[in-house]
């Protein structure tokens, strides 16, 4: 009698498997996606964030280049001078942010207060070990191109 029931049980198991498999897949796929997203978020949280922005060496080179243009090849138009000063202030604040120094140059209106803040910020950058003059450059002759 047990042998006669074996094909019936075998068919019933296949029927249950075929009917249950789509339900299991519908439940398992969202769980797998959620598990994957959780693992990815944990991995991202574990990885230390590197410094954002260009390296300090590139910022220092840009700062020296812009400073040389301001000091030795001052633009003849007011628009060119204003653009050069704003670019210089932007790079100055970027290097201060990378070094962890306070900088509030661009917050001030253009004028004497901003110039004084720029000098204070330049002094802080030089105290942090970033020279603002082109290495090997003498002040009595124009900066190299």
N, C-alpha and C. Protein backbone atom coordinates (compact mmCIF):
# COMPACT_ATOMS: atom_id res chain seq x y z
N UNK A 1 0.81 -1.18 0.00
CA UNK A 1 0.00 0.00 0.00
C UNK A 1 0.87 1.26 0.00
N UNK A 2 1.97 1.21 0.68
CA UNK A 2 2.85 2.36 0.73
C UNK A 2 3.43 2.62 -0.65
N UNK A 3 3.64 1.57 -1.42
CA UNK A 3 4.20 1.73 -2.75
C UNK A 3 3.17 2.39 -3.66
N UNK A 4 1.90 2.13 -3.47
CA UNK A 4 0.86 2.71 -4.30
C UNK A 4 0.69 4.20 -4.01
N UNK A 5 1.00 4.65 -2.79
CA UNK A 5 0.85 6.06 -2.43
C UNK A 5 2.07 6.90 -2.81
N UNK A 6 3.18 6.26 -3.11
CA UNK A 6 4.40 7.01 -3.40
C UNK A 6 4.25 7.94 -4.61
N UNK A 7 3.66 7.55 -5.73
CA UNK A 7 3.50 8.50 -6.82
C UNK A 7 2.56 9.65 -6.46
N UNK A 8 1.57 9.35 -5.66
CA UNK A 8 0.64 10.41 -5.24
C UNK A 8 1.34 11.42 -4.33
N UNK A 9 2.14 10.94 -3.38
CA UNK A 9 2.89 11.84 -2.50
C UNK A 9 3.94 12.62 -3.29
N UNK A 10 4.58 11.98 -4.24
CA UNK A 10 5.58 12.63 -5.06
C UNK A 10 4.93 13.77 -5.86
N UNK A 11 3.79 13.53 -6.43
CA UNK A 11 3.07 14.56 -7.19
C UNK A 11 2.62 15.70 -6.29
N UNK A 12 2.17 15.37 -5.07
CA UNK A 12 1.70 16.40 -4.13
C UNK A 12 2.88 17.28 -3.70
N UNK A 13 4.03 16.69 -3.46
CA UNK A 13 5.20 17.48 -3.09
C UNK A 13 5.61 18.42 -4.22
N UNK A 14 5.57 17.95 -5.45
CA UNK A 14 5.91 18.81 -6.59
C UNK A 14 4.90 19.94 -6.74
N UNK A 15 3.63 19.64 -6.51
CA UNK A 15 2.60 20.67 -6.60
C UNK A 15 2.79 21.74 -5.53
N UNK A 16 3.11 21.32 -4.32
CA UNK A 16 3.35 22.28 -3.22
C UNK A 16 4.60 23.11 -3.53
N UNK A 17 5.63 22.47 -4.04
CA UNK A 17 6.86 23.18 -4.37
C UNK A 17 6.62 24.20 -5.48
N UNK A 18 5.90 23.84 -6.51
CA UNK A 18 5.63 24.75 -7.62
C UNK A 18 4.76 25.91 -7.16
N UNK A 19 3.83 25.67 -6.26
CA UNK A 19 2.94 26.74 -5.78
C UNK A 19 3.65 27.62 -4.74
N UNK A 20 4.52 27.06 -3.94
CA UNK A 20 5.18 27.82 -2.87
C UNK A 20 6.40 28.59 -3.37
N UNK A 21 7.03 28.14 -4.45
CA UNK A 21 8.25 28.78 -4.93
C UNK A 21 8.04 30.25 -5.32
N UNK A 22 7.00 30.60 -6.05
CA UNK A 22 6.81 32.03 -6.35
C UNK A 22 6.59 32.87 -5.09
N UNK A 23 5.87 32.35 -4.13
CA UNK A 23 5.65 33.08 -2.88
C UNK A 23 6.97 33.27 -2.13
N UNK A 24 7.78 32.24 -2.09
CA UNK A 24 9.07 32.35 -1.42
C UNK A 24 9.97 33.36 -2.13
N UNK A 25 9.95 33.34 -3.45
CA UNK A 25 10.77 34.30 -4.20
C UNK A 25 10.29 35.73 -3.99
N UNK A 26 8.98 35.92 -3.96
CA UNK A 26 8.44 37.26 -3.74
C UNK A 26 8.81 37.79 -2.35
N UNK A 27 8.97 36.92 -1.40
CA UNK A 27 9.37 37.34 -0.06
C UNK A 27 10.89 37.47 0.06
N UNK A 28 11.61 36.59 -0.61
CA UNK A 28 13.06 36.56 -0.45
C UNK A 28 13.77 37.68 -1.20
N UNK A 29 13.27 38.10 -2.35
CA UNK A 29 13.94 39.13 -3.14
C UNK A 29 13.97 40.46 -2.39
N UNK A 30 12.85 40.97 -1.85
CA UNK A 30 12.95 42.23 -1.09
C UNK A 30 13.85 42.12 0.14
N UNK A 31 13.83 40.97 0.80
CA UNK A 31 14.71 40.78 1.95
C UNK A 31 16.18 40.81 1.52
N UNK A 32 16.49 40.19 0.40
CA UNK A 32 17.86 40.19 -0.10
C UNK A 32 18.29 41.60 -0.50
N UNK A 33 17.41 42.36 -1.12
CA UNK A 33 17.74 43.73 -1.51
C UNK A 33 17.98 44.58 -0.27
N UNK A 34 17.12 44.45 0.73
CA UNK A 34 17.29 45.20 1.98
C UNK A 34 18.59 44.82 2.68
N UNK A 35 18.92 43.54 2.70
CA UNK A 35 20.17 43.09 3.30
C UNK A 35 21.37 43.65 2.54
N UNK A 36 21.31 43.64 1.22
CA UNK A 36 22.39 44.19 0.40
C UNK A 36 22.58 45.68 0.68
N UNK A 37 21.49 46.44 0.74
CA UNK A 37 21.58 47.88 1.01
C UNK A 37 22.13 48.16 2.41
N UNK A 38 21.74 47.36 3.38
CA UNK A 38 22.25 47.53 4.75
C UNK A 38 23.74 47.26 4.81
N UNK A 39 24.19 46.21 4.16
CA UNK A 39 25.62 45.89 4.15
C UNK A 39 26.42 46.97 3.42
N UNK A 40 25.88 47.49 2.33
CA UNK A 40 26.57 48.55 1.60
C UNK A 40 26.65 49.83 2.44
N UNK A 41 25.59 50.15 3.17
CA UNK A 41 25.61 51.35 4.03
C UNK A 41 26.61 51.18 5.17
N UNK A 42 26.69 49.99 5.74
CA UNK A 42 27.66 49.76 6.82
C UNK A 42 29.08 49.87 6.31
N UNK A 43 29.33 49.34 5.10
CA UNK A 43 30.67 49.42 4.53
C UNK A 43 31.04 50.88 4.25
N UNK A 44 30.11 51.65 3.75
CA UNK A 44 30.37 53.07 3.47
C UNK A 44 30.62 53.84 4.76
N UNK A 45 29.91 53.48 5.83
CA UNK A 45 30.10 54.16 7.11
C UNK A 45 31.45 53.81 7.73
N UNK A 46 31.95 52.61 7.46
CA UNK A 46 33.23 52.20 8.03
C UNK A 46 34.42 52.84 7.34
N UNK A 47 34.28 53.14 6.05
CA UNK A 47 35.40 53.70 5.32
C UNK A 47 35.59 55.16 5.71
N UNK A 48 36.81 55.52 6.11
CA UNK A 48 37.04 56.92 6.48
C UNK A 48 36.97 57.81 5.25
N UNK A 49 36.38 58.96 5.44
CA UNK A 49 36.29 59.92 4.34
C UNK A 49 37.63 60.61 4.17
N UNK A 50 38.11 60.63 2.96
CA UNK A 50 39.35 61.31 2.65
C UNK A 50 39.10 62.81 2.54
N UNK A 51 40.17 63.56 2.48
CA UNK A 51 40.00 65.00 2.35
C UNK A 51 39.30 65.34 1.04
N UNK A 52 38.41 66.29 1.11
CA UNK A 52 37.67 66.74 -0.06
C UNK A 52 38.40 67.89 -0.73
N UNK A 53 38.40 67.90 -2.04
CA UNK A 53 39.01 69.00 -2.77
C UNK A 53 40.42 68.68 -3.21
N UNK A 54 41.05 69.66 -3.84
CA UNK A 54 42.41 69.44 -4.35
C UNK A 54 43.43 69.33 -3.21
N UNK A 55 44.59 68.73 -3.49
CA UNK A 55 45.62 68.59 -2.46
C UNK A 55 46.18 69.95 -2.04
N UNK A 56 46.76 69.99 -0.85
CA UNK A 56 47.30 71.24 -0.30
C UNK A 56 48.41 71.77 -1.19
N UNK A 57 49.22 70.90 -1.76
CA UNK A 57 50.31 71.34 -2.62
C UNK A 57 49.81 72.08 -3.86
N UNK A 58 48.73 71.59 -4.45
CA UNK A 58 48.16 72.27 -5.62
C UNK A 58 47.57 73.61 -5.21
N UNK A 59 46.87 73.63 -4.07
CA UNK A 59 46.31 74.90 -3.59
C UNK A 59 47.42 75.92 -3.31
N UNK A 60 48.53 75.44 -2.71
CA UNK A 60 49.64 76.35 -2.41
C UNK A 60 50.26 76.88 -3.69
N UNK A 61 50.39 76.04 -4.71
CA UNK A 61 50.95 76.49 -5.99
C UNK A 61 50.02 77.51 -6.65
N UNK A 62 48.72 77.25 -6.60
CA UNK A 62 47.76 78.21 -7.16
C UNK A 62 47.81 79.53 -6.40
N UNK A 63 47.94 79.46 -5.09
CA UNK A 63 48.00 80.67 -4.28
C UNK A 63 49.24 81.50 -4.61
N UNK A 64 50.38 80.82 -4.76
CA UNK A 64 51.61 81.54 -5.12
C UNK A 64 51.51 82.16 -6.51
N UNK A 65 50.92 81.41 -7.44
CA UNK A 65 50.78 81.93 -8.81
C UNK A 65 49.87 83.17 -8.84
N UNK A 66 48.74 83.09 -8.16
CA UNK A 66 47.81 84.23 -8.13
C UNK A 66 48.43 85.42 -7.40
N UNK A 67 49.17 85.13 -6.33
CA UNK A 67 49.82 86.21 -5.59
C UNK A 67 50.86 86.92 -6.46
N UNK A 68 51.63 86.14 -7.22
CA UNK A 68 52.63 86.73 -8.11
C UNK A 68 51.95 87.61 -9.17
N UNK A 69 50.81 87.17 -9.67
CA UNK A 69 50.08 87.99 -10.65
C UNK A 69 49.58 89.28 -10.01
N UNK A 70 49.13 89.19 -8.76
CA UNK A 70 48.64 90.39 -8.07
C UNK A 70 49.77 91.37 -7.79
N UNK A 71 50.91 90.86 -7.37
CA UNK A 71 51.99 91.73 -6.93
C UNK A 71 52.80 92.25 -8.12
N UNK A 72 53.13 91.38 -9.08
CA UNK A 72 54.07 91.76 -10.12
C UNK A 72 53.43 92.10 -11.47
N UNK A 73 52.29 91.52 -11.76
CA UNK A 73 51.62 91.78 -13.04
C UNK A 73 50.18 92.21 -12.79
N UNK A 74 50.04 93.25 -12.05
CA UNK A 74 48.71 93.71 -11.66
C UNK A 74 47.89 94.07 -12.91
N UNK A 75 46.65 93.57 -13.01
CA UNK A 75 45.82 93.87 -14.19
C UNK A 75 45.55 95.37 -14.30
N UNK A 76 45.40 95.84 -15.52
CA UNK A 76 45.19 97.27 -15.75
C UNK A 76 43.72 97.67 -15.61
N UNK A 77 42.79 96.74 -15.80
CA UNK A 77 41.38 97.08 -15.68
C UNK A 77 40.86 96.70 -14.30
N UNK A 78 39.83 97.40 -13.86
CA UNK A 78 39.23 97.11 -12.56
C UNK A 78 38.54 95.74 -12.56
N UNK A 79 37.96 95.37 -13.68
CA UNK A 79 37.29 94.07 -13.77
C UNK A 79 38.32 92.95 -13.61
N UNK A 80 39.44 93.06 -14.30
CA UNK A 80 40.49 92.04 -14.19
C UNK A 80 41.06 91.96 -12.78
N UNK A 81 41.25 93.13 -12.16
CA UNK A 81 41.78 93.16 -10.80
C UNK A 81 40.80 92.53 -9.82
N UNK A 82 39.51 92.87 -9.95
CA UNK A 82 38.50 92.30 -9.05
C UNK A 82 38.40 90.79 -9.22
N UNK A 83 38.42 90.31 -10.45
CA UNK A 83 38.36 88.87 -10.71
C UNK A 83 39.58 88.16 -10.12
N UNK A 84 40.75 88.74 -10.29
CA UNK A 84 41.97 88.14 -9.76
C UNK A 84 41.96 88.12 -8.23
N UNK A 85 41.48 89.20 -7.62
CA UNK A 85 41.41 89.26 -6.15
C UNK A 85 40.41 88.22 -5.62
N UNK A 86 39.27 88.06 -6.31
CA UNK A 86 38.29 87.08 -5.85
C UNK A 86 38.82 85.66 -6.02
N UNK A 87 39.53 85.40 -7.11
CA UNK A 87 40.13 84.07 -7.28
C UNK A 87 41.16 83.81 -6.20
N UNK A 88 41.96 84.81 -5.89
CA UNK A 88 42.97 84.67 -4.84
C UNK A 88 42.31 84.40 -3.49
N UNK A 89 41.25 85.17 -3.18
CA UNK A 89 40.54 84.97 -1.91
C UNK A 89 39.91 83.59 -1.83
N UNK A 90 39.39 83.10 -2.95
CA UNK A 90 38.78 81.78 -2.97
C UNK A 90 39.81 80.69 -2.67
N UNK A 91 40.96 80.79 -3.31
CA UNK A 91 42.02 79.79 -3.08
C UNK A 91 42.56 79.93 -1.66
N UNK A 92 42.67 81.16 -1.17
CA UNK A 92 43.15 81.38 0.19
C UNK A 92 42.21 80.73 1.21
N UNK A 93 40.90 80.87 1.01
CA UNK A 93 39.96 80.25 1.93
C UNK A 93 39.96 78.73 1.78
N UNK A 94 40.16 78.23 0.57
CA UNK A 94 40.21 76.78 0.37
C UNK A 94 41.40 76.17 1.09
N UNK A 95 42.55 76.82 1.01
CA UNK A 95 43.73 76.28 1.69
C UNK A 95 43.57 76.39 3.21
N UNK A 96 42.91 77.44 3.67
CA UNK A 96 42.63 77.56 5.11
C UNK A 96 41.70 76.45 5.59
N UNK A 97 40.71 76.13 4.76
CA UNK A 97 39.78 75.05 5.12
C UNK A 97 40.52 73.72 5.21
N UNK A 98 41.44 73.46 4.27
CA UNK A 98 42.20 72.21 4.29
C UNK A 98 43.14 72.13 5.48
N UNK A 99 43.67 73.31 5.91
CA UNK A 99 44.61 73.33 7.04
C UNK A 99 43.89 73.49 8.38
N UNK A 100 42.58 73.73 8.35
CA UNK A 100 41.83 73.91 9.58
C UNK A 100 42.01 75.28 10.21
N UNK A 101 42.30 76.27 9.38
CA UNK A 101 42.49 77.64 9.86
C UNK A 101 41.22 78.45 9.63
N UNK A 102 40.92 79.39 10.52
CA UNK A 102 39.75 80.24 10.28
C UNK A 102 40.03 81.24 9.16
N UNK A 103 39.06 81.42 8.29
CA UNK A 103 39.19 82.38 7.19
C UNK A 103 37.82 82.97 6.90
N UNK A 104 37.76 84.29 6.89
CA UNK A 104 36.49 84.97 6.64
C UNK A 104 36.68 86.09 5.63
N UNK A 105 37.57 85.91 4.69
CA UNK A 105 37.90 86.96 3.73
C UNK A 105 36.70 87.27 2.84
N UNK A 106 36.08 86.25 2.27
CA UNK A 106 35.00 86.49 1.31
C UNK A 106 33.70 86.93 1.97
N UNK A 107 33.60 86.82 3.28
CA UNK A 107 32.40 87.28 3.97
C UNK A 107 32.34 88.80 4.07
N UNK A 108 33.50 89.44 4.00
CA UNK A 108 33.57 90.89 4.16
C UNK A 108 33.39 91.59 2.82
N UNK A 109 32.85 92.81 2.85
CA UNK A 109 32.72 93.55 1.58
C UNK A 109 34.09 94.00 1.09
N UNK A 110 34.18 94.22 -0.21
CA UNK A 110 35.45 94.67 -0.81
C UNK A 110 35.80 96.02 -0.21
N UNK A 111 37.03 96.13 0.28
CA UNK A 111 37.48 97.37 0.89
C UNK A 111 38.58 97.11 1.90
N UNK A 112 38.77 98.07 2.80
CA UNK A 112 39.86 98.02 3.76
C UNK A 112 39.72 96.84 4.72
N UNK A 113 38.50 96.58 5.20
CA UNK A 113 38.31 95.47 6.13
C UNK A 113 38.69 94.13 5.50
N UNK A 114 38.31 93.96 4.25
CA UNK A 114 38.65 92.72 3.54
C UNK A 114 40.15 92.61 3.32
N UNK A 115 40.81 93.73 3.00
CA UNK A 115 42.26 93.71 2.81
C UNK A 115 42.99 93.34 4.10
N UNK A 116 42.52 93.87 5.23
CA UNK A 116 43.14 93.55 6.52
C UNK A 116 42.92 92.08 6.86
N UNK A 117 41.72 91.59 6.62
CA UNK A 117 41.44 90.17 6.88
C UNK A 117 42.28 89.27 5.96
N UNK A 118 42.49 89.69 4.73
CA UNK A 118 43.34 88.94 3.81
C UNK A 118 44.77 88.85 4.35
N UNK A 119 45.31 89.97 4.85
CA UNK A 119 46.66 89.96 5.42
C UNK A 119 46.74 89.05 6.64
N UNK A 120 45.72 89.10 7.49
CA UNK A 120 45.70 88.24 8.68
C UNK A 120 45.66 86.76 8.26
N UNK A 121 44.85 86.46 7.26
CA UNK A 121 44.73 85.07 6.80
C UNK A 121 46.02 84.61 6.14
N UNK A 122 46.66 85.49 5.35
CA UNK A 122 47.94 85.13 4.74
C UNK A 122 48.99 84.84 5.81
N UNK A 123 49.00 85.64 6.88
CA UNK A 123 49.96 85.40 7.97
C UNK A 123 49.69 84.05 8.63
N UNK A 124 48.42 83.69 8.81
CA UNK A 124 48.09 82.40 9.41
C UNK A 124 48.54 81.25 8.52
N UNK A 125 48.38 81.42 7.21
CA UNK A 125 48.81 80.36 6.28
C UNK A 125 50.33 80.22 6.31
N UNK A 126 51.04 81.34 6.37
CA UNK A 126 52.50 81.27 6.42
C UNK A 126 52.97 80.66 7.75
N UNK A 127 52.28 80.96 8.83
CA UNK A 127 52.64 80.34 10.12
C UNK A 127 52.39 78.85 10.11
N UNK A 128 51.44 78.41 9.29
CA UNK A 128 51.15 76.97 9.17
C UNK A 128 52.19 76.26 8.31
N UNK A 129 53.11 77.02 7.70
CA UNK A 129 54.20 76.40 6.95
C UNK A 129 54.04 76.45 5.44
N UNK A 130 53.10 77.21 4.93
CA UNK A 130 52.92 77.33 3.49
C UNK A 130 53.51 78.67 3.04
N UNK A 131 54.63 78.64 2.33
CA UNK A 131 55.21 79.92 1.86
C UNK A 131 54.35 80.50 0.74
N UNK A 132 54.17 81.82 0.77
CA UNK A 132 53.34 82.47 -0.24
C UNK A 132 54.16 83.04 -1.39
N UNK A 133 55.45 83.17 -1.21
CA UNK A 133 56.31 83.66 -2.28
C UNK A 133 56.80 82.48 -3.10
N UNK A 134 57.09 82.73 -4.36
CA UNK A 134 57.63 81.69 -5.23
C UNK A 134 59.04 81.36 -4.74
N UNK A 135 59.34 80.08 -4.50
CA UNK A 135 60.66 79.72 -3.99
C UNK A 135 61.78 80.20 -4.91
N UNK A 136 62.79 80.81 -4.33
CA UNK A 136 63.94 81.28 -5.09
C UNK A 136 63.69 82.57 -5.83
N UNK A 137 62.59 83.23 -5.55
CA UNK A 137 62.26 84.47 -6.26
C UNK A 137 62.72 85.67 -5.45
N UNK A 138 63.35 86.63 -6.13
CA UNK A 138 63.77 87.87 -5.48
C UNK A 138 62.73 88.94 -5.71
N UNK A 139 62.53 89.80 -4.74
CA UNK A 139 61.48 90.81 -4.82
C UNK A 139 61.80 91.96 -5.75
N UNK A 140 63.05 92.13 -6.14
CA UNK A 140 63.40 93.29 -6.95
C UNK A 140 63.26 93.04 -8.46
N UNK A 141 62.82 91.86 -8.86
CA UNK A 141 62.61 91.60 -10.28
C UNK A 141 61.24 90.91 -10.45
N UNK A 142 60.66 91.01 -11.64
CA UNK A 142 59.33 90.42 -11.86
C UNK A 142 59.35 88.91 -11.71
N UNK A 143 58.20 88.40 -11.33
CA UNK A 143 58.07 86.94 -11.16
C UNK A 143 58.15 86.25 -12.51
N UNK A 144 58.67 85.05 -12.53
CA UNK A 144 58.74 84.31 -13.80
C UNK A 144 57.34 83.98 -14.29
N UNK A 145 57.16 83.86 -15.60
CA UNK A 145 55.82 83.55 -16.14
C UNK A 145 55.40 82.15 -15.85
